[in-house]
Structure formats: structure tokens, C-alpha cells
Amino acid sequence: FFPPVQSPDDFDAATVKTLLDAAIG
């Protein structure tokens, strides 16, 4: 992730699931 554009707070449960789904396919 890329501060200051992004922060750890951006990675909520829904975002994490979306990222993992995209990574795994």
C-alpha cells in the first residue's frame, strides 16, 4: 500500500476479501 494515498485503515474486512478473491481468481 502507498502512504499517504492509502493507509492500513483502508483494509477493512470487505476490502481484504475482495483483494484475496482477485488474487486467487
mmCIF file of all heavy atoms, coordinates in Angstrom:
data_MODEL
# 
_entry.id   MODEL 
# 
loop_
_atom_site.group_PDB 
_atom_site.id 
_atom_site.type_symbol 
_atom_site.label_atom_id 
_atom_site.label_alt_id 
_atom_site.label_comp_id 
_atom_site.label_asym_id 
_atom_site.label_entity_id 
_atom_site.label_seq_id 
_atom_site.pdbx_PDB_ins_code 
_atom_site.Cartn_x 
_atom_site.Cartn_y 
_atom_site.Cartn_z 
_atom_site.occupancy 
_atom_site.B_iso_or_equiv 
_atom_site.pdbx_formal_charge 
_atom_site.auth_seq_id 
_atom_site.auth_comp_id 
_atom_site.auth_asym_id 
_atom_site.auth_atom_id 
_atom_site.pdbx_PDB_model_num 
ATOM 1   N N   . PHE A 1 1  ? 0.859   -1.183  0.000  1.00 0.00 ? 1  PHE A N   1 
ATOM 2   C CA  . PHE A 1 1  ? 0.000   0.000   0.000  1.00 0.00 ? 1  PHE A CA  1 
ATOM 3   C C   . PHE A 1 1  ? 0.896   1.233   0.000  1.00 0.00 ? 1  PHE A C   1 
ATOM 4   O O   . PHE A 1 1  ? 2.099   1.136   0.279  1.00 0.00 ? 1  PHE A O   1 
ATOM 5   C CB  . PHE A 1 1  ? -0.983  -0.007  1.186  1.00 0.00 ? 1  PHE A CB  1 
ATOM 6   C CG  . PHE A 1 1  ? -0.357  0.193   2.541  1.00 0.00 ? 1  PHE A CG  1 
ATOM 7   C CD1 . PHE A 1 1  ? -0.366  1.433   3.157  1.00 0.00 ? 1  PHE A CD1 1 
ATOM 8   C CD2 . PHE A 1 1  ? 0.222   -0.873  3.215  1.00 0.00 ? 1  PHE A CD2 1 
ATOM 9   C CE1 . PHE A 1 1  ? 0.201   1.618   4.418  1.00 0.00 ? 1  PHE A CE1 1 
ATOM 10  C CE2 . PHE A 1 1  ? 0.790   -0.705  4.477  1.00 0.00 ? 1  PHE A CE2 1 
ATOM 11  C CZ  . PHE A 1 1  ? 0.774   0.548   5.071  1.00 0.00 ? 1  PHE A CZ  1 
ATOM 12  N N   . PHE A 1 2  ? 0.318   2.385   -0.312 1.00 0.00 ? 2  PHE A N   1 
ATOM 13  C CA  . PHE A 1 2  ? 1.133   3.548   -0.650 1.00 0.00 ? 2  PHE A CA  1 
ATOM 14  C C   . PHE A 1 2  ? 0.698   4.793   0.121  1.00 0.00 ? 2  PHE A C   1 
ATOM 15  O O   . PHE A 1 2  ? -0.153  5.558   -0.339 1.00 0.00 ? 2  PHE A O   1 
ATOM 16  C CB  . PHE A 1 2  ? 1.068   3.794   -2.158 1.00 0.00 ? 2  PHE A CB  1 
ATOM 17  C CG  . PHE A 1 2  ? 1.495   2.604   -2.968 1.00 0.00 ? 2  PHE A CG  1 
ATOM 18  C CD1 . PHE A 1 2  ? 0.554   1.670   -3.403 1.00 0.00 ? 2  PHE A CD1 1 
ATOM 19  C CD2 . PHE A 1 2  ? 2.828   2.401   -3.260 1.00 0.00 ? 2  PHE A CD2 1 
ATOM 20  C CE1 . PHE A 1 2  ? 0.946   0.554   -4.134 1.00 0.00 ? 2  PHE A CE1 1 
ATOM 21  C CE2 . PHE A 1 2  ? 3.232   1.286   -3.995 1.00 0.00 ? 2  PHE A CE2 1 
ATOM 22  C CZ  . PHE A 1 2  ? 2.289   0.363   -4.419 1.00 0.00 ? 2  PHE A CZ  1 
ATOM 23  N N   . PRO A 1 3  ? 1.291   5.015   1.310  1.00 0.00 ? 3  PRO A N   1 
ATOM 24  C CA  . PRO A 1 3  ? 1.029   6.263   2.043  1.00 0.00 ? 3  PRO A CA  1 
ATOM 25  C C   . PRO A 1 3  ? 1.583   7.451   1.251  1.00 0.00 ? 3  PRO A C   1 
ATOM 26  O O   . PRO A 1 3  ? 2.582   7.299   0.539  1.00 0.00 ? 3  PRO A O   1 
ATOM 27  C CB  . PRO A 1 3  ? 1.801   6.072   3.344  1.00 0.00 ? 3  PRO A CB  1 
ATOM 28  C CG  . PRO A 1 3  ? 2.048   4.595   3.441  1.00 0.00 ? 3  PRO A CG  1 
ATOM 29  C CD  . PRO A 1 3  ? 2.164   4.109   2.037  1.00 0.00 ? 3  PRO A CD  1 
ATOM 30  N N   . PRO A 1 4  ? 0.979   8.630   1.342  1.00 0.00 ? 4  PRO A N   1 
ATOM 31  C CA  . PRO A 1 4  ? -0.202  8.959   2.143  1.00 0.00 ? 4  PRO A CA  1 
ATOM 32  C C   . PRO A 1 4  ? -1.527  8.729   1.413  1.00 0.00 ? 4  PRO A C   1 
ATOM 33  O O   . PRO A 1 4  ? -2.585  9.026   1.956  1.00 0.00 ? 4  PRO A O   1 
ATOM 34  C CB  . PRO A 1 4  ? 0.003   10.440  2.415  1.00 0.00 ? 4  PRO A CB  1 
ATOM 35  C CG  . PRO A 1 4  ? 0.675   10.953  1.175  1.00 0.00 ? 4  PRO A CG  1 
ATOM 36  C CD  . PRO A 1 4  ? 1.573   9.846   0.708  1.00 0.00 ? 4  PRO A CD  1 
ATOM 37  N N   . VAL A 1 5  ? -1.459  8.167   0.194  1.00 0.00 ? 5  VAL A N   1 
ATOM 38  C CA  . VAL A 1 5  ? -2.691  7.937   -0.558 1.00 0.00 ? 5  VAL A CA  1 
ATOM 39  C C   . VAL A 1 5  ? -3.527  6.843   0.113  1.00 0.00 ? 5  VAL A C   1 
ATOM 40  O O   . VAL A 1 5  ? -4.756  6.900   0.137  1.00 0.00 ? 5  VAL A O   1 
ATOM 41  C CB  . VAL A 1 5  ? -2.371  7.548   -2.015 1.00 0.00 ? 5  VAL A CB  1 
ATOM 42  C CG1 . VAL A 1 5  ? -3.646  7.255   -2.792 1.00 0.00 ? 5  VAL A CG1 1 
ATOM 43  C CG2 . VAL A 1 5  ? -1.580  8.664   -2.687 1.00 0.00 ? 5  VAL A CG2 1 
ATOM 44  N N   . GLN A 1 6  ? -2.851  5.836   0.657  1.00 0.00 ? 6  GLN A N   1 
ATOM 45  C CA  . GLN A 1 6  ? -3.526  4.745   1.343  1.00 0.00 ? 6  GLN A CA  1 
ATOM 46  C C   . GLN A 1 6  ? -3.023  4.636   2.775  1.00 0.00 ? 6  GLN A C   1 
ATOM 47  O O   . GLN A 1 6  ? -1.919  5.109   3.101  1.00 0.00 ? 6  GLN A O   1 
ATOM 48  C CB  . GLN A 1 6  ? -3.282  3.413   0.626  1.00 0.00 ? 6  GLN A CB  1 
ATOM 49  C CG  . GLN A 1 6  ? -3.903  3.293   -0.752 1.00 0.00 ? 6  GLN A CG  1 
ATOM 50  C CD  . GLN A 1 6  ? -3.489  1.993   -1.412 1.00 0.00 ? 6  GLN A CD  1 
ATOM 51  O OE1 . GLN A 1 6  ? -2.323  1.745   -1.665 1.00 0.00 ? 6  GLN A OE1 1 
ATOM 52  N NE2 . GLN A 1 6  ? -4.486  1.140   -1.692 1.00 0.00 ? 6  GLN A NE2 1 
ATOM 53  N N   . SER A 1 7  ? -3.809  3.977   3.613  1.00 0.00 ? 7  SER A N   1 
ATOM 54  C CA  . SER A 1 7  ? -3.402  3.733   4.991  1.00 0.00 ? 7  SER A CA  1 
ATOM 55  C C   . SER A 1 7  ? -3.917  2.357   5.406  1.00 0.00 ? 7  SER A C   1 
ATOM 56  O O   . SER A 1 7  ? -4.803  1.782   4.743  1.00 0.00 ? 7  SER A O   1 
ATOM 57  C CB  . SER A 1 7  ? -3.972  4.800   5.929  1.00 0.00 ? 7  SER A CB  1 
ATOM 58  O OG  . SER A 1 7  ? -5.331  4.552   6.211  1.00 0.00 ? 7  SER A OG  1 
ATOM 59  N N   . PRO A 1 8  ? -3.422  1.791   6.514  1.00 0.00 ? 8  PRO A N   1 
ATOM 60  C CA  . PRO A 1 8  ? -3.923  0.487   6.989  1.00 0.00 ? 8  PRO A CA  1 
ATOM 61  C C   . PRO A 1 8  ? -5.423  0.482   7.242  1.00 0.00 ? 8  PRO A C   1 
ATOM 62  O O   . PRO A 1 8  ? -6.065  -0.571  7.142  1.00 0.00 ? 8  PRO A O   1 
ATOM 63  C CB  . PRO A 1 8  ? -3.119  0.269   8.273  1.00 0.00 ? 8  PRO A CB  1 
ATOM 64  C CG  . PRO A 1 8  ? -1.839  1.016   8.051  1.00 0.00 ? 8  PRO A CG  1 
ATOM 65  C CD  . PRO A 1 8  ? -2.239  2.241   7.283  1.00 0.00 ? 8  PRO A CD  1 
ATOM 66  N N   . ASP A 1 9  ? -5.984  1.643   7.567  1.00 0.00 ? 9  ASP A N   1 
ATOM 67  C CA  . ASP A 1 9  ? -7.429  1.710   7.833  1.00 0.00 ? 9  ASP A CA  1 
ATOM 68  C C   . ASP A 1 9  ? -8.266  1.378   6.597  1.00 0.00 ? 9  ASP A C   1 
ATOM 69  O O   . ASP A 1 9  ? -9.459  1.070   6.714  1.00 0.00 ? 9  ASP A O   1 
ATOM 70  C CB  . ASP A 1 9  ? -7.811  3.090   8.350  1.00 0.00 ? 9  ASP A CB  1 
ATOM 71  C CG  . ASP A 1 9  ? -7.222  3.388   9.721  1.00 0.00 ? 9  ASP A CG  1 
ATOM 72  O OD1 . ASP A 1 9  ? -6.912  2.404   10.442 1.00 0.00 ? 9  ASP A OD1 1 
ATOM 73  O OD2 . ASP A 1 9  ? -7.056  4.569   10.064 1.00 0.00 ? 9  ASP A OD2 1 
ATOM 74  N N   . ASP A 1 10 ? -7.654  1.468   5.415  1.00 0.00 ? 10 ASP A N   1 
ATOM 75  C CA  . ASP A 1 10 ? -8.387  1.166   4.189  1.00 0.00 ? 10 ASP A CA  1 
ATOM 76  C C   . ASP A 1 10 ? -8.655  -0.334  4.020  1.00 0.00 ? 10 ASP A C   1 
ATOM 77  O O   . ASP A 1 10 ? -9.477  -0.729  3.192  1.00 0.00 ? 10 ASP A O   1 
ATOM 78  C CB  . ASP A 1 10 ? -7.618  1.671   2.965  1.00 0.00 ? 10 ASP A CB  1 
ATOM 79  C CG  . ASP A 1 10 ? -7.480  3.184   2.945  1.00 0.00 ? 10 ASP A CG  1 
ATOM 80  O OD1 . ASP A 1 10 ? -8.396  3.855   3.455  1.00 0.00 ? 10 ASP A OD1 1 
ATOM 81  O OD2 . ASP A 1 10 ? -6.456  3.686   2.438  1.00 0.00 ? 10 ASP A OD2 1 
ATOM 82  N N   . PHE A 1 11 ? -7.959  -1.160  4.792  1.00 0.00 ? 11 PHE A N   1 
ATOM 83  C CA  . PHE A 1 11 ? -8.045  -2.603  4.603  1.00 0.00 ? 11 PHE A CA  1 
ATOM 84  C C   . PHE A 1 11 ? -9.025  -3.212  5.609  1.00 0.00 ? 11 PHE A C   1 
ATOM 85  O O   . PHE A 1 11 ? -8.647  -3.945  6.519  1.00 0.00 ? 11 PHE A O   1 
ATOM 86  C CB  . PHE A 1 11 ? -6.650  -3.236  4.738  1.00 0.00 ? 11 PHE A CB  1 
ATOM 87  C CG  . PHE A 1 11 ? -5.723  -2.882  3.613  1.00 0.00 ? 11 PHE A CG  1 
ATOM 88  C CD1 . PHE A 1 11 ? -5.057  -1.653  3.596  1.00 0.00 ? 11 PHE A CD1 1 
ATOM 89  C CD2 . PHE A 1 11 ? -5.524  -3.749  2.550  1.00 0.00 ? 11 PHE A CD2 1 
ATOM 90  C CE1 . PHE A 1 11 ? -4.204  -1.318  2.548  1.00 0.00 ? 11 PHE A CE1 1 
ATOM 91  C CE2 . PHE A 1 11 ? -4.677  -3.420  1.504  1.00 0.00 ? 11 PHE A CE2 1 
ATOM 92  C CZ  . PHE A 1 11 ? -4.018  -2.196  1.503  1.00 0.00 ? 11 PHE A CZ  1 
ATOM 93  N N   . ASP A 1 12 ? -10.305 -2.903  5.404  1.00 0.00 ? 12 ASP A N   1 
ATOM 94  C CA  . ASP A 1 12 ? -11.336 -3.498  6.252  1.00 0.00 ? 12 ASP A CA  1 
ATOM 95  C C   . ASP A 1 12 ? -11.650 -4.907  5.748  1.00 0.00 ? 12 ASP A C   1 
ATOM 96  O O   . ASP A 1 12 ? -11.082 -5.391  4.763  1.00 0.00 ? 12 ASP A O   1 
ATOM 97  C CB  . ASP A 1 12 ? -12.593 -2.630  6.277  1.00 0.00 ? 12 ASP A CB  1 
ATOM 98  C CG  . ASP A 1 12 ? -13.157 -2.356  4.894  1.00 0.00 ? 12 ASP A CG  1 
ATOM 99  O OD1 . ASP A 1 12 ? -12.867 -3.138  3.960  1.00 0.00 ? 12 ASP A OD1 1 
ATOM 100 O OD2 . ASP A 1 12 ? -13.875 -1.346  4.730  1.00 0.00 ? 12 ASP A OD2 1 
ATOM 101 N N   . ALA A 1 13 ? -12.553 -5.590  6.434  1.00 0.00 ? 13 ALA A N   1 
ATOM 102 C CA  . ALA A 1 13 ? -12.833 -6.991  6.122  1.00 0.00 ? 13 ALA A CA  1 
ATOM 103 C C   . ALA A 1 13 ? -13.312 -7.180  4.689  1.00 0.00 ? 13 ALA A C   1 
ATOM 104 O O   . ALA A 1 13 ? -12.881 -8.109  3.987  1.00 0.00 ? 13 ALA A O   1 
ATOM 105 C CB  . ALA A 1 13 ? -13.864 -7.539  7.105  1.00 0.00 ? 13 ALA A CB  1 
ATOM 106 N N   . ALA A 1 14 ? -14.191 -6.310  4.228  1.00 0.00 ? 14 ALA A N   1 
ATOM 107 C CA  . ALA A 1 14 ? -14.724 -6.435  2.870  1.00 0.00 ? 14 ALA A CA  1 
ATOM 108 C C   . ALA A 1 14 ? -13.640 -6.218  1.828  1.00 0.00 ? 14 ALA A C   1 
ATOM 109 O O   . ALA A 1 14 ? -13.560 -6.946  0.817  1.00 0.00 ? 14 ALA A O   1 
ATOM 110 C CB  . ALA A 1 14 ? -15.864 -5.438  2.665  1.00 0.00 ? 14 ALA A CB  1 
ATOM 111 N N   . THR A 1 15 ? -12.765 -5.216  2.062  1.00 0.00 ? 15 THR A N   1 
ATOM 112 C CA  . THR A 1 15 ? -11.686 -4.933  1.121  1.00 0.00 ? 15 THR A CA  1 
ATOM 113 C C   . THR A 1 15 ? -10.701 -6.088  1.057  1.00 0.00 ? 15 THR A C   1 
ATOM 114 O O   . THR A 1 15 ? -10.244 -6.488  -0.024 1.00 0.00 ? 15 THR A O   1 
ATOM 115 C CB  . THR A 1 15 ? -10.958 -3.637  1.519  1.00 0.00 ? 15 THR A CB  1 
ATOM 116 O OG1 . THR A 1 15 ? -11.873 -2.551  1.513  1.00 0.00 ? 15 THR A OG1 1 
ATOM 117 C CG2 . THR A 1 15 ? -9.796  -3.341  0.581  1.00 0.00 ? 15 THR A CG2 1 
ATOM 118 N N   . VAL A 1 16 ? -10.369 -6.639  2.202  1.00 0.00 ? 16 VAL A N   1 
ATOM 119 C CA  . VAL A 1 16 ? -9.437  -7.766  2.253  1.00 0.00 ? 16 VAL A CA  1 
ATOM 120 C C   . VAL A 1 16 ? -9.995  -8.958  1.480  1.00 0.00 ? 16 VAL A C   1 
ATOM 121 O O   . VAL A 1 16 ? -9.282  -9.603  0.700  1.00 0.00 ? 16 VAL A O   1 
ATOM 122 C CB  . VAL A 1 16 ? -9.136  -8.150  3.715  1.00 0.00 ? 16 VAL A CB  1 
ATOM 123 C CG1 . VAL A 1 16 ? -8.440  -9.515  3.794  1.00 0.00 ? 16 VAL A CG1 1 
ATOM 124 C CG2 . VAL A 1 16 ? -8.281  -7.083  4.371  1.00 0.00 ? 16 VAL A CG2 1 
ATOM 125 N N   . LYS A 1 17 ? -11.275 -9.255  1.662  1.00 0.00 ? 17 LYS A N   1 
ATOM 126 C CA  . LYS A 1 17 ? -11.879 -10.373 0.941  1.00 0.00 ? 17 LYS A CA  1 
ATOM 127 C C   . LYS A 1 17 ? -11.861 -10.129 -0.568 1.00 0.00 ? 17 LYS A C   1 
ATOM 128 O O   . LYS A 1 17 ? -11.554 -11.036 -1.358 1.00 0.00 ? 17 LYS A O   1 
ATOM 129 C CB  . LYS A 1 17 ? -13.305 -10.606 1.403  1.00 0.00 ? 17 LYS A CB  1 
ATOM 130 C CG  . LYS A 1 17 ? -13.963 -11.829 0.752  1.00 0.00 ? 17 LYS A CG  1 
ATOM 131 C CD  . LYS A 1 17 ? -15.376 -12.027 1.212  1.00 0.00 ? 17 LYS A CD  1 
ATOM 132 C CE  . LYS A 1 17 ? -15.964 -13.309 0.596  1.00 0.00 ? 17 LYS A CE  1 
ATOM 133 N NZ  . LYS A 1 17 ? -15.855 -13.335 -0.878 1.00 0.00 ? 17 LYS A NZ  1 
ATOM 134 N N   . THR A 1 18 ? -12.151 -8.900  -0.978 1.00 0.00 ? 18 THR A N   1 
ATOM 135 C CA  . THR A 1 18 ? -12.124 -8.566  -2.401 1.00 0.00 ? 18 THR A CA  1 
ATOM 136 C C   . THR A 1 18 ? -10.727 -8.738  -2.977 1.00 0.00 ? 18 THR A C   1 
ATOM 137 O O   . THR A 1 18 ? -10.548 -9.270  -4.087 1.00 0.00 ? 18 THR A O   1 
ATOM 138 C CB  . THR A 1 18 ? -12.605 -7.119  -2.613 1.00 0.00 ? 18 THR A CB  1 
ATOM 139 O OG1 . THR A 1 18 ? -13.956 -6.996  -2.155 1.00 0.00 ? 18 THR A OG1 1 
ATOM 140 C CG2 . THR A 1 18 ? -12.536 -6.727  -4.080 1.00 0.00 ? 18 THR A CG2 1 
ATOM 141 N N   . LEU A 1 19 ? -9.699  -8.304  -2.224 1.00 0.00 ? 19 LEU A N   1 
ATOM 142 C CA  . LEU A 1 19 ? -8.321  -8.441  -2.684 1.00 0.00 ? 19 LEU A CA  1 
ATOM 143 C C   . LEU A 1 19 ? -7.926  -9.904  -2.820 1.00 0.00 ? 19 LEU A C   1 
ATOM 144 O O   . LEU A 1 19 ? -7.287  -10.304 -3.803 1.00 0.00 ? 19 LEU A O   1 
ATOM 145 C CB  . LEU A 1 19 ? -7.377  -7.733  -1.707 1.00 0.00 ? 19 LEU A CB  1 
ATOM 146 C CG  . LEU A 1 19 ? -7.380  -6.207  -1.739 1.00 0.00 ? 19 LEU A CG  1 
ATOM 147 C CD1 . LEU A 1 19 ? -6.576  -5.652  -0.572 1.00 0.00 ? 19 LEU A CD1 1 
ATOM 148 C CD2 . LEU A 1 19 ? -6.800  -5.698  -3.062 1.00 0.00 ? 19 LEU A CD2 1 
ATOM 149 N N   . LEU A 1 20 ? -8.291  -10.720 -1.826 1.00 0.00 ? 20 LEU A N   1 
ATOM 150 C CA  . LEU A 1 20 ? -7.936  -12.134 -1.883 1.00 0.00 ? 20 LEU A CA  1 
ATOM 151 C C   . LEU A 1 20 ? -8.669  -12.840 -3.020 1.00 0.00 ? 20 LEU A C   1 
ATOM 152 O O   . LEU A 1 20 ? -8.087  -13.672 -3.732 1.00 0.00 ? 20 LEU A O   1 
ATOM 153 C CB  . LEU A 1 20 ? -8.245  -12.809 -0.542 1.00 0.00 ? 20 LEU A CB  1 
ATOM 154 C CG  . LEU A 1 20 ? -7.363  -12.387 0.633  1.00 0.00 ? 20 LEU A CG  1 
ATOM 155 C CD1 . LEU A 1 20 ? -7.813  -13.083 1.918  1.00 0.00 ? 20 LEU A CD1 1 
ATOM 156 C CD2 . LEU A 1 20 ? -5.896  -12.682 0.359  1.00 0.00 ? 20 LEU A CD2 1 
ATOM 157 N N   . ASP A 1 21 ? -9.934  -12.506 -3.218 1.00 0.00 ? 21 ASP A N   1 
ATOM 158 C CA  . ASP A 1 21 ? -10.674 -13.090 -4.348 1.00 0.00 ? 21 ASP A CA  1 
ATOM 159 C C   . ASP A 1 21 ? -10.007 -12.743 -5.670 1.00 0.00 ? 21 ASP A C   1 
ATOM 160 O O   . ASP A 1 21 ? -9.868  -13.598 -6.558 1.00 0.00 ? 21 ASP A O   1 
ATOM 161 C CB  . ASP A 1 21 ? -12.124 -12.581 -4.353 1.00 0.00 ? 21 ASP A CB  1 
ATOM 162 C CG  . ASP A 1 21 ? -12.971 -13.181 -3.245 1.00 0.00 ? 21 ASP A CG  1 
ATOM 163 O OD1 . ASP A 1 21 ? -12.495 -14.131 -2.580 1.00 0.00 ? 21 ASP A OD1 1 
ATOM 164 O OD2 . ASP A 1 21 ? -14.092 -12.687 -3.027 1.00 0.00 ? 21 ASP A OD2 1 
ATOM 165 N N   . ALA A 1 22 ? -9.565  -11.483 -5.793 1.00 0.00 ? 22 ALA A N   1 
ATOM 166 C CA  . ALA A 1 22 ? -8.917  -11.046 -7.030 1.00 0.00 ? 22 ALA A CA  1 
ATOM 167 C C   . ALA A 1 22 ? -7.567  -11.717 -7.211 1.00 0.00 ? 22 ALA A C   1 
ATOM 168 O O   . ALA A 1 22 ? -7.171  -12.068 -8.336 1.00 0.00 ? 22 ALA A O   1 
ATOM 169 C CB  . ALA A 1 22 ? -8.754  -9.528  -7.019 1.00 0.00 ? 22 ALA A CB  1 
ATOM 170 N N   . ALA A 1 23 ? -6.841  -11.901 -6.112 1.00 0.00 ? 23 ALA A N   1 
ATOM 171 C CA  . ALA A 1 23 ? -5.518  -12.535 -6.188 1.00 0.00 ? 23 ALA A CA  1 
ATOM 172 C C   . ALA A 1 23 ? -5.632  -14.005 -6.572 1.00 0.00 ? 23 ALA A C   1 
ATOM 173 O O   . ALA A 1 23 ? -4.872  -14.509 -7.413 1.00 0.00 ? 23 ALA A O   1 
ATOM 174 C CB  . ALA A 1 23 ? -4.796  -12.390 -4.854 1.00 0.00 ? 23 ALA A CB  1 
ATOM 175 N N   . ILE A 1 24 ? -6.600  -14.700 -5.971 1.00 0.00 ? 24 ILE A N   1 
ATOM 176 C CA  . ILE A 1 24 ? -6.744  -16.134 -6.214 1.00 0.00 ? 24 ILE A CA  1 
ATOM 177 C C   . ILE A 1 24 ? -7.460  -16.403 -7.535 1.00 0.00 ? 24 ILE A C   1 
ATOM 178 O O   . ILE A 1 24 ? -7.234  -17.417 -8.199 1.00 0.00 ? 24 ILE A O   1 
ATOM 179 C CB  . ILE A 1 24 ? -7.519  -16.795 -5.048 1.00 0.00 ? 24 ILE A CB  1 
ATOM 180 C CG1 . ILE A 1 24 ? -6.822  -16.496 -3.711 1.00 0.00 ? 24 ILE A CG1 1 
ATOM 181 C CG2 . ILE A 1 24 ? -7.639  -18.297 -5.252 1.00 0.00 ? 24 ILE A CG2 1 
ATOM 182 C CD1 . ILE A 1 24 ? -5.375  -16.868 -3.646 1.00 0.00 ? 24 ILE A CD1 1 
ATOM 183 N N   . GLY A 1 25 ? -8.332  -15.488 -7.914 1.00 0.00 ? 25 GLY A N   1 
ATOM 184 C CA  . GLY A 1 25 ? -9.087  -15.661 -9.151 1.00 0.00 ? 25 GLY A CA  1 
ATOM 185 C C   . GLY A 1 25 ? -10.448 -16.275 -8.944 1.00 0.00 ? 25 GLY A C   1 
ATOM 186 O O   . GLY A 1 25 ? -11.184 -16.530 -9.909 1.00 0.00 ? 25 GLY A O   1 
# 
